[in-house]
Amino acid sequence: RMTDIAAHFREAARIAADGRVRLIIENEHTCNVATSTEIDAFLTEVATPTVRALWDPCNAFWSGEDDAVSSGYDRVKSHIAHVHVKDAVIEGGKHVATVLGEGNVGVQGQLDRLIHDGYAGYVSLETHYRVHAVLDDELVKRPGGSAFSAGGEEGTRRCLVAWNAMRASA
């Protein structure tokens, strides 16, 4: 299956390259490439610089990768074109988003590694944290609309305060 998907991406990459466009694939815990191992294998199979990685260490964590910020990042760093940051814990077998730095992903460590390695791309806050609620799994899998956005502003503001503190200490 991965070989078939990679073949389609190679064709899309050929078209994209003609238009000077880059294709980015995110490691997403509900899709085909969830972990660093899977996205590395996929991008190695696609074998074109036109297709790059959007690295999300929290998605790798949610997929059971305990070392996403260390060896996971090492596996994918040569492929990275964009990074998402969010944080989470696992409570009662469920993923629960937290303020950046309060979860088990190791966001500070990821930001430190990116700086140390001279990463010059974009890093985006992907807020799944809500102050007064937990996002339903179905909303996390298919974000969109007012239900997904409800409560997002306050959670985002708290995460941005934490992010700025992390940046100051990096």
Protein backbone atom coordinates (compact mmCIF):
# COMPACT_ATOMS: atom_id res chain seq x y z
CA ARG A 1 0.00 0.00 0.00
CA MET A 2 2.77 2.46 0.89
CA THR A 3 4.44 1.71 -2.45
CA ASP A 4 1.21 2.56 -4.30
CA ILE A 5 0.74 5.80 -2.38
CA ALA A 6 4.38 6.74 -2.99
CA ALA A 7 3.94 6.15 -6.73
CA HIS A 8 1.02 8.59 -6.79
CA PHE A 9 3.05 11.13 -4.83
CA ARG A 10 5.95 10.81 -7.28
CA GLU A 11 3.57 11.71 -10.12
CA ALA A 12 2.11 14.61 -8.12
CA ALA A 13 5.67 15.72 -7.27
CA ARG A 14 6.60 15.76 -10.96
CA ILE A 15 3.65 18.05 -11.68
CA ALA A 16 4.40 20.19 -8.62
CA ALA A 17 8.07 20.56 -9.57
CA ASP A 18 7.04 21.90 -12.98
CA GLY A 19 5.16 24.66 -11.16
CA ARG A 20 7.93 25.17 -8.59
CA VAL A 21 5.64 23.93 -5.82
CA ARG A 22 6.64 21.75 -2.89
CA LEU A 23 4.35 19.03 -1.50
CA ILE A 24 4.35 18.61 2.27
CA ILE A 25 3.06 15.52 4.07
CA GLU A 26 2.36 15.58 7.80
CA ASN A 27 2.94 12.65 10.08
CA GLU A 28 -0.62 12.31 11.34
CA HIS A 29 -1.71 9.72 13.88
CA THR A 30 -4.96 8.99 12.01
CA CYS A 31 -3.39 8.57 8.55
CA ASN A 32 -0.87 6.46 6.65
CA VAL A 33 2.33 8.02 8.01
CA ALA A 34 2.00 8.56 11.74
CA THR A 35 5.46 8.02 13.19
CA SER A 36 8.95 9.20 12.31
CA THR A 37 9.76 5.72 11.02
CA GLU A 38 6.73 5.73 8.72
CA ILE A 39 7.27 9.23 7.32
CA ASP A 40 10.98 8.55 6.81
CA ALA A 41 10.19 5.30 4.97
CA PHE A 42 7.54 7.04 2.87
CA LEU A 43 9.80 9.94 1.88
CA THR A 44 12.64 7.54 1.13
CA GLU A 45 10.25 5.58 -1.11
CA VAL A 46 9.02 8.75 -2.86
CA ALA A 47 12.66 9.80 -3.32
CA THR A 48 12.18 13.36 -4.54
CA PRO A 49 13.11 16.66 -2.87
CA THR A 50 9.77 18.07 -4.03
CA VAL A 51 7.98 16.06 -1.31
CA ARG A 52 8.99 17.03 2.23
CA ALA A 53 7.84 16.41 5.79
CA LEU A 54 5.67 18.43 8.09
CA TRP A 55 7.01 17.10 11.40
CA ASP A 56 4.58 16.96 14.30
CA PRO A 57 6.21 15.30 17.33
CA CYS A 58 2.90 15.26 19.22
CA ASN A 59 1.26 13.23 16.45
CA ALA A 60 4.16 10.79 16.69
CA PHE A 61 3.69 10.68 20.48
CA TRP A 62 -0.04 10.02 20.01
CA SER A 63 0.95 7.13 17.73
CA GLY A 64 2.99 5.54 20.51
CA GLU A 65 6.41 6.98 19.67
CA ASP A 66 7.91 7.79 23.07
CA ASP A 67 11.15 9.19 21.63
CA ALA A 68 9.68 11.56 19.03
CA VAL A 69 11.82 14.54 20.05
CA SER A 70 15.07 12.56 20.21
CA SER A 71 15.52 9.63 17.84
CA GLY A 72 12.25 10.34 16.01
CA TYR A 73 13.41 13.83 15.10
CA ASP A 74 16.84 12.48 14.13
CA ARG A 75 15.14 10.14 11.64
CA VAL A 76 13.19 12.90 9.89
CA LYS A 77 15.19 16.11 10.30
CA SER A 78 16.71 15.92 6.82
CA HIS A 79 13.18 15.81 5.35
CA ILE A 80 11.57 18.62 7.40
CA ALA A 81 10.05 21.64 5.65
CA HIS A 82 7.58 22.68 8.38
CA VAL A 83 6.91 21.85 12.06
CA HIS A 84 3.73 21.78 14.15
CA VAL A 85 3.91 22.07 17.93
CA LYS A 86 1.32 21.04 20.47
CA ASP A 87 1.58 19.09 23.72
CA ALA A 88 -0.35 16.25 25.30
CA VAL A 89 -0.54 13.54 27.93
CA ILE A 90 -2.23 10.18 27.89
CA GLU A 91 -4.87 9.82 30.61
CA GLY A 92 -6.91 6.66 30.93
CA GLY A 93 -5.75 5.54 27.50
CA LYS A 94 -6.95 8.77 25.86
CA HIS A 95 -4.92 11.60 24.38
CA VAL A 96 -5.46 14.85 26.22
CA ALA A 97 -3.97 18.08 24.86
CA THR A 98 -2.21 20.37 27.33
CA VAL A 99 -0.59 23.78 27.44
CA LEU A 100 2.81 23.65 25.73
CA GLY A 101 5.40 22.36 28.17
CA GLU A 102 2.88 20.68 30.48
CA GLY A 103 2.59 17.46 28.49
CA ASN A 104 4.87 14.54 27.73
CA VAL A 105 5.88 15.40 24.17
CA GLY A 106 9.00 17.40 25.04
CA VAL A 107 8.17 20.59 23.14
CA GLN A 108 11.00 22.61 24.75
CA GLY A 109 13.45 19.91 23.72
CA GLN A 110 12.10 19.93 20.16
CA LEU A 111 12.43 23.71 19.88
CA ASP A 112 15.96 23.52 21.33
CA ARG A 113 16.94 20.84 18.79
CA LEU A 114 15.53 22.87 15.90
CA ILE A 115 17.52 25.94 16.99
CA HIS A 116 20.68 23.89 17.57
CA ASP A 117 20.39 22.32 14.11
CA GLY A 118 19.88 25.70 12.41
CA TYR A 119 16.34 24.97 11.25
CA ALA A 120 15.20 27.99 9.22
CA GLY A 121 11.67 26.92 8.29
CA TYR A 122 8.32 27.62 9.86
CA VAL A 123 7.02 26.36 13.20
CA SER A 124 3.27 26.61 13.79
CA LEU A 125 1.27 26.27 16.98
CA GLU A 126 -1.46 23.71 16.35
CA THR A 127 -3.81 24.28 19.25
CA HIS A 128 -5.79 21.24 20.33
CA TYR A 129 -5.73 22.37 23.97
CA ARG A 130 -8.97 23.69 25.45
CA VAL A 131 -9.11 25.24 28.92
CA HIS A 132 -12.59 24.05 29.90
CA ALA A 133 -13.04 20.98 27.70
CA VAL A 134 -11.27 18.17 25.89
CA LEU A 135 -11.70 17.92 22.15
CA ASP A 136 -13.70 14.89 21.10
CA ASP A 137 -11.60 12.29 19.22
CA GLU A 138 -13.78 12.67 16.14
CA LEU A 139 -13.13 16.43 16.05
CA VAL A 140 -9.40 15.84 16.36
CA LYS A 141 -9.55 13.41 13.42
CA ARG A 142 -11.67 15.75 11.30
CA PRO A 143 -11.13 19.31 12.51
CA GLY A 144 -13.34 22.03 11.16
CA GLY A 145 -16.27 24.25 11.88
CA SER A 146 -17.41 25.96 15.03
CA ALA A 147 -17.35 22.83 17.21
CA PHE A 148 -13.60 22.43 16.67
CA SER A 149 -12.94 26.14 17.19
CA ALA A 150 -15.02 26.48 20.38
CA GLY A 151 -12.74 27.38 23.27
CA GLY A 152 -9.70 27.50 21.04
CA GLU A 153 -8.81 31.13 21.58
CA GLU A 154 -8.21 30.89 25.32
CA GLY A 155 -6.23 27.67 24.91
CA THR A 156 -4.17 29.25 22.14
CA ARG A 157 -3.40 32.30 24.25
CA ARG A 158 -2.14 30.12 27.11
CA CYS A 159 -0.02 28.08 24.71
CA LEU A 160 1.46 31.24 23.20
CA VAL A 161 2.46 32.52 26.65
CA ALA A 162 4.18 29.18 27.28
CA TRP A 163 5.80 29.23 23.82
CA ASN A 164 7.21 32.71 24.39
CA ALA A 165 8.65 31.55 27.72
CA MET A 166 10.24 28.55 25.97
CA ARG A 167 11.72 30.78 23.27
CA ALA A 168 13.17 33.10 25.91
CA SER A 169 14.91 30.18 27.63
CA ALA A 170 16.19 28.55 24.42
